[in-house]
Amino acid sequence: MKIKPSINRIVLYTKDIERMVEFYTKHFDFKSHTEAGDRIIELISPNGGVSLLLHPAAKTAKQGQNCVKLVFDVPEFR
């Protein structure tokens, strides 16, 4: 059986979450969502596309260093 994954979320690590939330909500009309007590902020695309998950970067991350994770959704299989 071939798996047909889809990318539904991209995790972006950042040292300035508030600035990124402002950018994506202002310029791309993303909606911001967070769960109580969670450090991750989800930015939801207005047209049903990929969601961005903003995660605090490690204190050791250097300015300008990129860290991205792609999240694939696949059906459960055995």
PDB file of N, CA and C in Angstrom:
ATOM      1  N   MET A   1       0.845  -1.184   0.000  1.00  0.00           N
ATOM      2  CA  MET A   1       0.000   0.000   0.000  1.00  0.00           C
ATOM      3  C   MET A   1       0.887   1.243   0.000  1.00  0.00           C
ATOM      4  N   LYS A   2       0.639   2.148  -0.930  1.00  0.00           N
ATOM      5  CA  LYS A   2       1.365   3.410  -0.961  1.00  0.00           C
ATOM      6  C   LYS A   2       0.667   4.424  -0.075  1.00  0.00           C
ATOM      7  N   ILE A   3       1.468   5.154   0.678  1.00  0.00           N
ATOM      8  CA  ILE A   3       0.942   6.209   1.541  1.00  0.00           C
ATOM      9  C   ILE A   3       0.949   7.506   0.749  1.00  0.00           C
ATOM     10  N   LYS A   4      -0.130   8.258   0.866  1.00  0.00           N
ATOM     11  CA  LYS A   4      -0.232   9.545   0.188  1.00  0.00           C
ATOM     12  C   LYS A   4      -0.266  10.643   1.250  1.00  0.00           C
ATOM     13  N   PRO A   5       0.916  11.044   1.705  1.00  0.00           N
ATOM     14  CA  PRO A   5       0.950  12.056   2.765  1.00  0.00           C
ATOM     15  C   PRO A   5       0.595  13.442   2.245  1.00  0.00           C
ATOM     16  N   SER A   6       0.135  14.266   3.141  1.00  0.00           N
ATOM     17  CA  SER A   6      -0.094  15.668   2.807  1.00  0.00           C
ATOM     18  C   SER A   6       0.539  16.521   3.902  1.00  0.00           C
ATOM     19  N   ILE A   7       1.093  17.652   3.491  1.00  0.00           N
ATOM     20  CA  ILE A   7       1.659  18.574   4.473  1.00  0.00           C
ATOM     21  C   ILE A   7       0.547  19.520   4.897  1.00  0.00           C
ATOM     22  N   ASN A   8       0.217  19.490   6.171  1.00  0.00           N
ATOM     23  CA  ASN A   8      -0.847  20.340   6.692  1.00  0.00           C
ATOM     24  C   ASN A   8      -0.340  21.389   7.676  1.00  0.00           C
ATOM     25  N   ARG A   9       0.869  21.155   8.222  1.00  0.00           N
ATOM     26  CA  ARG A   9       1.422  22.081   9.200  1.00  0.00           C
ATOM     27  C   ARG A   9       2.920  22.237   8.973  1.00  0.00           C
ATOM     28  N   ILE A  10       3.395  23.446   9.196  1.00  0.00           N
ATOM     29  CA  ILE A  10       4.821  23.739   9.158  1.00  0.00           C
ATOM     30  C   ILE A  10       5.170  24.386  10.488  1.00  0.00           C
ATOM     31  N   VAL A  11       6.159  23.828  11.184  1.00  0.00           N
ATOM     32  CA  VAL A  11       6.602  24.380  12.460  1.00  0.00           C
ATOM     33  C   VAL A  11       7.769  25.320  12.191  1.00  0.00           C
ATOM     34  N   LEU A  12       7.631  26.558  12.635  1.00  0.00           N
ATOM     35  CA  LEU A  12       8.687  27.556  12.507  1.00  0.00           C
ATOM     36  C   LEU A  12       9.175  27.928  13.907  1.00  0.00           C
ATOM     37  N   TYR A  13      10.461  27.808  14.127  1.00  0.00           N
ATOM     38  CA  TYR A  13      11.048  28.192  15.405  1.00  0.00           C
ATOM     39  C   TYR A  13      11.504  29.641  15.310  1.00  0.00           C
ATOM     40  N   THR A  14      11.136  30.445  16.299  1.00  0.00           N
ATOM     41  CA  THR A  14      11.430  31.871  16.252  1.00  0.00           C
ATOM     42  C   THR A  14      11.700  32.421  17.648  1.00  0.00           C
ATOM     43  N   LYS A  15      12.487  33.479  17.694  1.00  0.00           N
ATOM     44  CA  LYS A  15      12.747  34.167  18.960  1.00  0.00           C
ATOM     45  C   LYS A  15      11.772  35.318  19.172  1.00  0.00           C
ATOM     46  N   ASP A  16      10.986  35.654  18.153  1.00  0.00           N
ATOM     47  CA  ASP A  16      10.049  36.777  18.250  1.00  0.00           C
ATOM     48  C   ASP A  16       8.675  36.354  17.724  1.00  0.00           C
ATOM     49  N   ILE A  17       7.995  35.554  18.514  1.00  0.00           N
ATOM     50  CA  ILE A  17       6.691  35.028  18.109  1.00  0.00           C
ATOM     51  C   ILE A  17       5.683  36.148  17.874  1.00  0.00           C
ATOM     52  N   GLU A  18       5.650  37.135  18.764  1.00  0.00           N
ATOM     53  CA  GLU A  18       4.665  38.204  18.630  1.00  0.00           C
ATOM     54  C   GLU A  18       4.818  38.946  17.295  1.00  0.00           C
ATOM     55  N   ARG A  19       6.043  39.181  16.886  1.00  0.00           N
ATOM     56  CA  ARG A  19       6.292  39.878  15.618  1.00  0.00           C
ATOM     57  C   ARG A  19       5.843  39.029  14.429  1.00  0.00           C
ATOM     58  N   MET A  20       6.075  37.732  14.494  1.00  0.00           N
ATOM     59  CA  MET A  20       5.643  36.852  13.400  1.00  0.00           C
ATOM     60  C   MET A  20       4.116  36.754  13.341  1.00  0.00           C
ATOM     61  N   VAL A  21       3.469  36.691  14.497  1.00  0.00           N
ATOM     62  CA  VAL A  21       2.004  36.665  14.525  1.00  0.00           C
ATOM     63  C   VAL A  21       1.466  37.942  13.880  1.00  0.00           C
ATOM     64  N   GLU A  22       2.017  39.072  14.249  1.00  0.00           N
ATOM     65  CA  GLU A  22       1.577  40.343  13.680  1.00  0.00           C
ATOM     66  C   GLU A  22       1.755  40.358  12.154  1.00  0.00           C
ATOM     67  N   PHE A  23       2.898  39.878  11.670  1.00  0.00           N
ATOM     68  CA  PHE A  23       3.180  39.871  10.236  1.00  0.00           C
ATOM     69  C   PHE A  23       2.172  39.016   9.470  1.00  0.00           C
ATOM     70  N   TYR A  24       1.979  37.764   9.894  1.00  0.00           N
ATOM     71  CA  TYR A  24       1.112  36.848   9.150  1.00  0.00           C
ATOM     72  C   TYR A  24      -0.363  37.213   9.268  1.00  0.00           C
ATOM     73  N   THR A  25      -0.781  37.760  10.404  1.00  0.00           N
ATOM     74  CA  THR A  25      -2.188  38.152  10.529  1.00  0.00           C
ATOM     75  C   THR A  25      -2.470  39.425   9.747  1.00  0.00           C
ATOM     76  N   LYS A  26      -1.511  40.350   9.728  1.00  0.00           N
ATOM     77  CA  LYS A  26      -1.701  41.627   9.023  1.00  0.00           C
ATOM     78  C   LYS A  26      -1.621  41.477   7.512  1.00  0.00           C
ATOM     79  N   HIS A  27      -0.621  40.763   7.024  1.00  0.00           N
ATOM     80  CA  HIS A  27      -0.372  40.715   5.588  1.00  0.00           C
ATOM     81  C   HIS A  27      -1.040  39.536   4.860  1.00  0.00           C
ATOM     82  N   PHE A  28      -1.321  38.462   5.579  1.00  0.00           N
ATOM     83  CA  PHE A  28      -1.886  37.268   4.926  1.00  0.00           C
ATOM     84  C   PHE A  28      -3.229  36.843   5.517  1.00  0.00           C
ATOM     85  N   ASP A  29      -3.736  37.617   6.457  1.00  0.00           N
ATOM     86  CA  ASP A  29      -5.047  37.366   7.071  1.00  0.00           C
ATOM     87  C   ASP A  29      -5.139  36.014   7.787  1.00  0.00           C
ATOM     88  N   PHE A  30      -4.012  35.493   8.264  1.00  0.00           N
ATOM     89  CA  PHE A  30      -4.043  34.274   9.076  1.00  0.00           C
ATOM     90  C   PHE A  30      -4.738  34.592  10.396  1.00  0.00           C
ATOM     91  N   LYS A  31      -5.362  33.600  10.990  1.00  0.00           N
ATOM     92  CA  LYS A  31      -5.994  33.740  12.302  1.00  0.00           C
ATOM     93  C   LYS A  31      -5.113  33.047  13.336  1.00  0.00           C
ATOM     94  N   SER A  32      -4.920  33.697  14.450  1.00  0.00           N
ATOM     95  CA  SER A  32      -4.059  33.179  15.515  1.00  0.00           C
ATOM     96  C   SER A  32      -4.872  32.339  16.491  1.00  0.00           C
ATOM     97  N   HIS A  33      -4.326  31.187  16.874  1.00  0.00           N
ATOM     98  CA  HIS A  33      -4.990  30.301  17.837  1.00  0.00           C
ATOM     99  C   HIS A  33      -3.939  29.680  18.756  1.00  0.00           C
ATOM    100  N   THR A  34      -4.248  29.625  20.027  1.00  0.00           N
ATOM    101  CA  THR A  34      -3.369  28.959  20.984  1.00  0.00           C
ATOM    102  C   THR A  34      -4.204  28.289  22.066  1.00  0.00           C
ATOM    103  N   GLU A  35      -3.695  27.205  22.587  1.00  0.00           N
ATOM    104  CA  GLU A  35      -4.348  26.505  23.691  1.00  0.00           C
ATOM    105  C   GLU A  35      -3.791  27.057  25.001  1.00  0.00           C
ATOM    106  N   ALA A  36      -4.612  27.110  26.029  1.00  0.00           N
ATOM    107  CA  ALA A  36      -4.178  27.600  27.333  1.00  0.00           C
ATOM    108  C   ALA A  36      -2.973  26.808  27.830  1.00  0.00           C
ATOM    109  N   GLY A  37      -1.944  27.523  28.238  1.00  0.00           N
ATOM    110  CA  GLY A  37      -0.754  26.885  28.781  1.00  0.00           C
ATOM    111  C   GLY A  37       0.222  26.374  27.738  1.00  0.00           C
ATOM    112  N   ASP A  38      -0.091  26.546  26.447  1.00  0.00           N
ATOM    113  CA  ASP A  38       0.780  26.045  25.383  1.00  0.00           C
ATOM    114  C   ASP A  38       1.686  27.161  24.898  1.00  0.00           C
ATOM    115  N   ARG A  39       2.927  26.822  24.554  1.00  0.00           N
ATOM    116  CA  ARG A  39       3.879  27.816  24.049  1.00  0.00           C
ATOM    117  C   ARG A  39       3.788  27.977  22.540  1.00  0.00           C
ATOM    118  N   ILE A  40       3.088  27.089  21.878  1.00  0.00           N
ATOM    119  CA  ILE A  40       2.985  27.117  20.419  1.00  0.00           C
ATOM    120  C   ILE A  40       1.743  27.903  20.004  1.00  0.00           C
ATOM    121  N   ILE A  41       1.912  28.770  19.003  1.00  0.00           N
ATOM    122  CA  ILE A  41       0.793  29.515  18.444  1.00  0.00           C
ATOM    123  C   ILE A  41       0.543  28.992  17.036  1.00  0.00           C
ATOM    124  N   GLU A  42      -0.701  28.644  16.763  1.00  0.00           N
ATOM    125  CA  GLU A  42      -1.062  28.177  15.429  1.00  0.00           C
ATOM    126  C   GLU A  42      -1.625  29.338  14.633  1.00  0.00           C
ATOM    127  N   LEU A  43      -1.112  29.506  13.422  1.00  0.00           N
ATOM    128  CA  LEU A  43      -1.643  30.501  12.496  1.00  0.00           C
ATOM    129  C   LEU A  43      -2.402  29.743  11.410  1.00  0.00           C
ATOM    130  N   ILE A  44      -3.695  29.997  11.332  1.00  0.00           N
ATOM    131  CA  ILE A  44      -4.578  29.255  10.447  1.00  0.00           C
ATOM    132  C   ILE A  44      -4.830  30.064   9.179  1.00  0.00           C
ATOM    133  N   SER A  45      -4.572  29.438   8.044  1.00  0.00           N
ATOM    134  CA  SER A  45      -4.743  30.083   6.748  1.00  0.00           C
ATOM    135  C   SER A  45      -6.217  30.379   6.482  1.00  0.00           C
ATOM    136  N   PRO A  46      -6.522  31.552   5.932  1.00  0.00           N
ATOM    137  CA  PRO A  46      -7.922  31.885   5.671  1.00  0.00           C
ATOM    138  C   PRO A  46      -8.543  31.074   4.543  1.00  0.00           C
ATOM    139  N   ASN A  47      -7.723  30.457   3.696  1.00  0.00           N
ATOM    140  CA  ASN A  47      -8.269  29.697   2.568  1.00  0.00           C
ATOM    141  C   ASN A  47      -8.143  28.193   2.745  1.00  0.00           C
ATOM    142  N   GLY A  48      -7.879  27.745   3.966  1.00  0.00           N
ATOM    143  CA  GLY A  48      -7.806  26.321   4.239  1.00  0.00           C
ATOM    144  C   GLY A  48      -6.477  25.683   3.881  1.00  0.00           C
ATOM    145  N   GLY A  49      -5.457  26.471   3.625  1.00  0.00           N
ATOM    146  CA  GLY A  49      -4.145  25.925   3.284  1.00  0.00           C
ATOM    147  C   GLY A  49      -3.383  25.457   4.514  1.00  0.00           C
ATOM    148  N   VAL A  50      -2.099  25.398   4.374  1.00  0.00           N
ATOM    149  CA  VAL A  50      -1.203  24.934   5.431  1.00  0.00           C
ATOM    150  C   VAL A  50      -1.271  25.866   6.634  1.00  0.00           C
ATOM    151  N   SER A  51      -1.280  25.283   7.839  1.00  0.00           N
ATOM    152  CA  SER A  51      -1.191  26.066   9.072  1.00  0.00           C
ATOM    153  C   SER A  51       0.272  26.202   9.462  1.00  0.00           C
ATOM    154  N   LEU A  52       0.604  27.342  10.051  1.00  0.00           N
ATOM    155  CA  LEU A  52       1.941  27.575  10.571  1.00  0.00           C
ATOM    156  C   LEU A  52       1.895  27.455  12.086  1.00  0.00           C
ATOM    157  N   LEU A  53       2.817  26.697  12.641  1.00  0.00           N
ATOM    158  CA  LEU A  53       2.926  26.574  14.089  1.00  0.00           C
ATOM    159  C   LEU A  53       4.187  27.306  14.516  1.00  0.00           C
ATOM    160  N   LEU A  54       4.021  28.361  15.296  1.00  0.00           N
ATOM    161  CA  LEU A  54       5.157  29.137  15.767  1.00  0.00           C
ATOM    162  C   LEU A  54       5.585  28.606  17.123  1.00  0.00           C
ATOM    163  N   HIS A  55       6.841  28.234  17.210  1.00  0.00           N
ATOM    164  CA  HIS A  55       7.390  27.617  18.415  1.00  0.00           C
ATOM    165  C   HIS A  55       8.574  28.451  18.878  1.00  0.00           C
ATOM    166  N   PRO A  56       8.709  28.693  20.184  1.00  0.00           N
ATOM    167  CA  PRO A  56       9.871  29.456  20.654  1.00  0.00           C
ATOM    168  C   PRO A  56      11.177  28.752  20.284  1.00  0.00           C
ATOM    169  N   ALA A  57      12.116  29.514  19.746  1.00  0.00           N
ATOM    170  CA  ALA A  57      13.431  28.975  19.394  1.00  0.00           C
ATOM    171  C   ALA A  57      14.245  28.775  20.674  1.00  0.00           C
ATOM    172  N   ALA A  58      15.179  27.855  20.610  1.00  0.00           N
ATOM    173  CA  ALA A  58      16.070  27.617  21.749  1.00  0.00           C
ATOM    174  C   ALA A  58      16.910  28.869  22.009  1.00  0.00           C
ATOM    175  N   LYS A  59      17.255  29.076  23.254  1.00  0.00           N
ATOM    176  CA  LYS A  59      18.089  30.228  23.603  1.00  0.00           C
ATOM    177  C   LYS A  59      19.436  30.176  22.905  1.00  0.00           C
ATOM    178  N   THR A  60      19.881  28.986  22.539  1.00  0.00           N
ATOM    179  CA  THR A  60      21.180  28.827  21.874  1.00  0.00           C
ATOM    180  C   THR A  60      21.109  29.051  20.365  1.00  0.00           C
ATOM    181  N   ALA A  61      19.905  29.209  19.830  1.00  0.00           N
ATOM    182  CA  ALA A  61      19.765  29.439  18.381  1.00  0.00           C
ATOM    183  C   ALA A  61      20.365  30.797  18.027  1.00  0.00           C
ATOM    184  N   LYS A  62      21.110  30.831  16.954  1.00  0.00           N
ATOM    185  CA  LYS A  62      21.747  32.069  16.502  1.00  0.00           C
ATOM    186  C   LYS A  62      20.774  32.885  15.660  1.00  0.00           C
ATOM    187  N   GLN A  63      20.931  34.207  15.715  1.00  0.00           N
ATOM    188  CA  GLN A  63      20.110  35.104  14.907  1.00  0.00           C
ATOM    189  C   GLN A  63      20.266  34.740  13.431  1.00  0.00           C
ATOM    190  N   GLY A  64      19.162  34.594  12.716  1.00  0.00           N
ATOM    191  CA  GLY A  64      19.209  34.256  11.299  1.00  0.00           C
ATOM    192  C   GLY A  64      19.268  32.764  11.021  1.00  0.00           C
ATOM    193  N   GLN A  65      19.447  31.965  12.062  1.00  0.00           N
ATOM    194  CA  GLN A  65      19.481  30.510  11.881  1.00  0.00           C
ATOM    195  C   GLN A  65      18.056  30.033  11.632  1.00  0.00           C
ATOM    196  N   ASN A  66      17.888  29.221  10.621  1.00  0.00           N
ATOM    197  CA  ASN A  66      16.557  28.717  10.276  1.00  0.00           C
ATOM    198  C   ASN A  66      16.330  27.351  10.884  1.00  0.00           C
ATOM    199  N   CYS A  67      15.143  27.165  11.391  1.00  0.00           N
ATOM    200  CA  CYS A  67      14.760  25.851  11.875  1.00  0.00           C
ATOM    201  C   CYS A  67      13.294  25.642  11.524  1.00  0.00           C
ATOM    202  N   VAL A  68      13.054  24.693  10.651  1.00  0.00           N
ATOM    203  CA  VAL A  68      11.708  24.423  10.159  1.00  0.00           C
ATOM    204  C   VAL A  68      11.465  22.925  10.234  1.00  0.00           C
ATOM    205  N   LYS A  69      10.261  22.546  10.613  1.00  0.00           N
ATOM    206  CA  LYS A  69       9.847  21.144  10.570  1.00  0.00           C
ATOM    207  C   LYS A  69       8.585  21.059   9.730  1.00  0.00           C
ATOM    208  N   LEU A  70       8.556  20.100   8.829  1.00  0.00           N
ATOM    209  CA  LEU A  70       7.359  19.832   8.039  1.00  0.00           C
ATOM    210  C   LEU A  70       6.595  18.707   8.715  1.00  0.00           C
ATOM    211  N   VAL A  71       5.295  18.874   8.879  1.00  0.00           N
ATOM    212  CA  VAL A  71       4.463  17.868   9.537  1.00  0.00           C
ATOM    213  C   VAL A  71       3.575  17.223   8.483  1.00  0.00           C
ATOM    214  N   PHE A  72       3.795  15.929   8.251  1.00  0.00           N
ATOM    215  CA  PHE A  72       2.993  15.181   7.286  1.00  0.00           C
ATOM    216  C   PHE A  72       1.869  14.464   8.013  1.00  0.00           C
ATOM    217  N   ASP A  73       0.681  14.535   7.475  1.00  0.00           N
ATOM    218  CA  ASP A  73      -0.439  13.756   7.987  1.00  0.00           C
ATOM    219  C   ASP A  73      -0.590  12.535   7.106  1.00  0.00           C
ATOM    220  N   VAL A  74      -0.605  11.376   7.721  1.00  0.00           N
ATOM    221  CA  VAL A  74      -0.792  10.126   6.987  1.00  0.00           C
ATOM    222  C   VAL A  74      -1.857   9.307   7.711  1.00  0.00           C
ATOM    223  N   PRO A  75      -2.591   8.526   6.964  1.00  0.00           N
ATOM    224  CA  PRO A  75      -3.578   7.652   7.620  1.00  0.00           C
ATOM    225  C   PRO A  75      -2.846   6.597   8.450  1.00  0.00           C
ATOM    226  N   GLU A  76      -3.491   6.150   9.483  1.00  0.00           N
ATOM    227  CA  GLU A  76      -2.911   5.094  10.310  1.00  0.00           C
ATOM    228  C   GLU A  76      -2.830   3.817   9.476  1.00  0.00           C
ATOM    229  N   PHE A  77      -1.703   3.167   9.533  1.00  0.00           N
ATOM    230  CA  PHE A  77      -1.538   1.936   8.790  1.00  0.00           C
ATOM    231  C   PHE A  77      -0.705   0.954   9.600  1.00  0.00           C
ATOM    232  N   ARG A  78      -0.769  -0.310   9.207  1.00  0.00           N
ATOM    233  CA  ARG A  78      -0.005  -1.360   9.910  1.00  0.00           C
ATOM    234  C   ARG A  78       0.691  -2.217   8.904  1.00  0.00           C
TER     235      ARG A  78
END
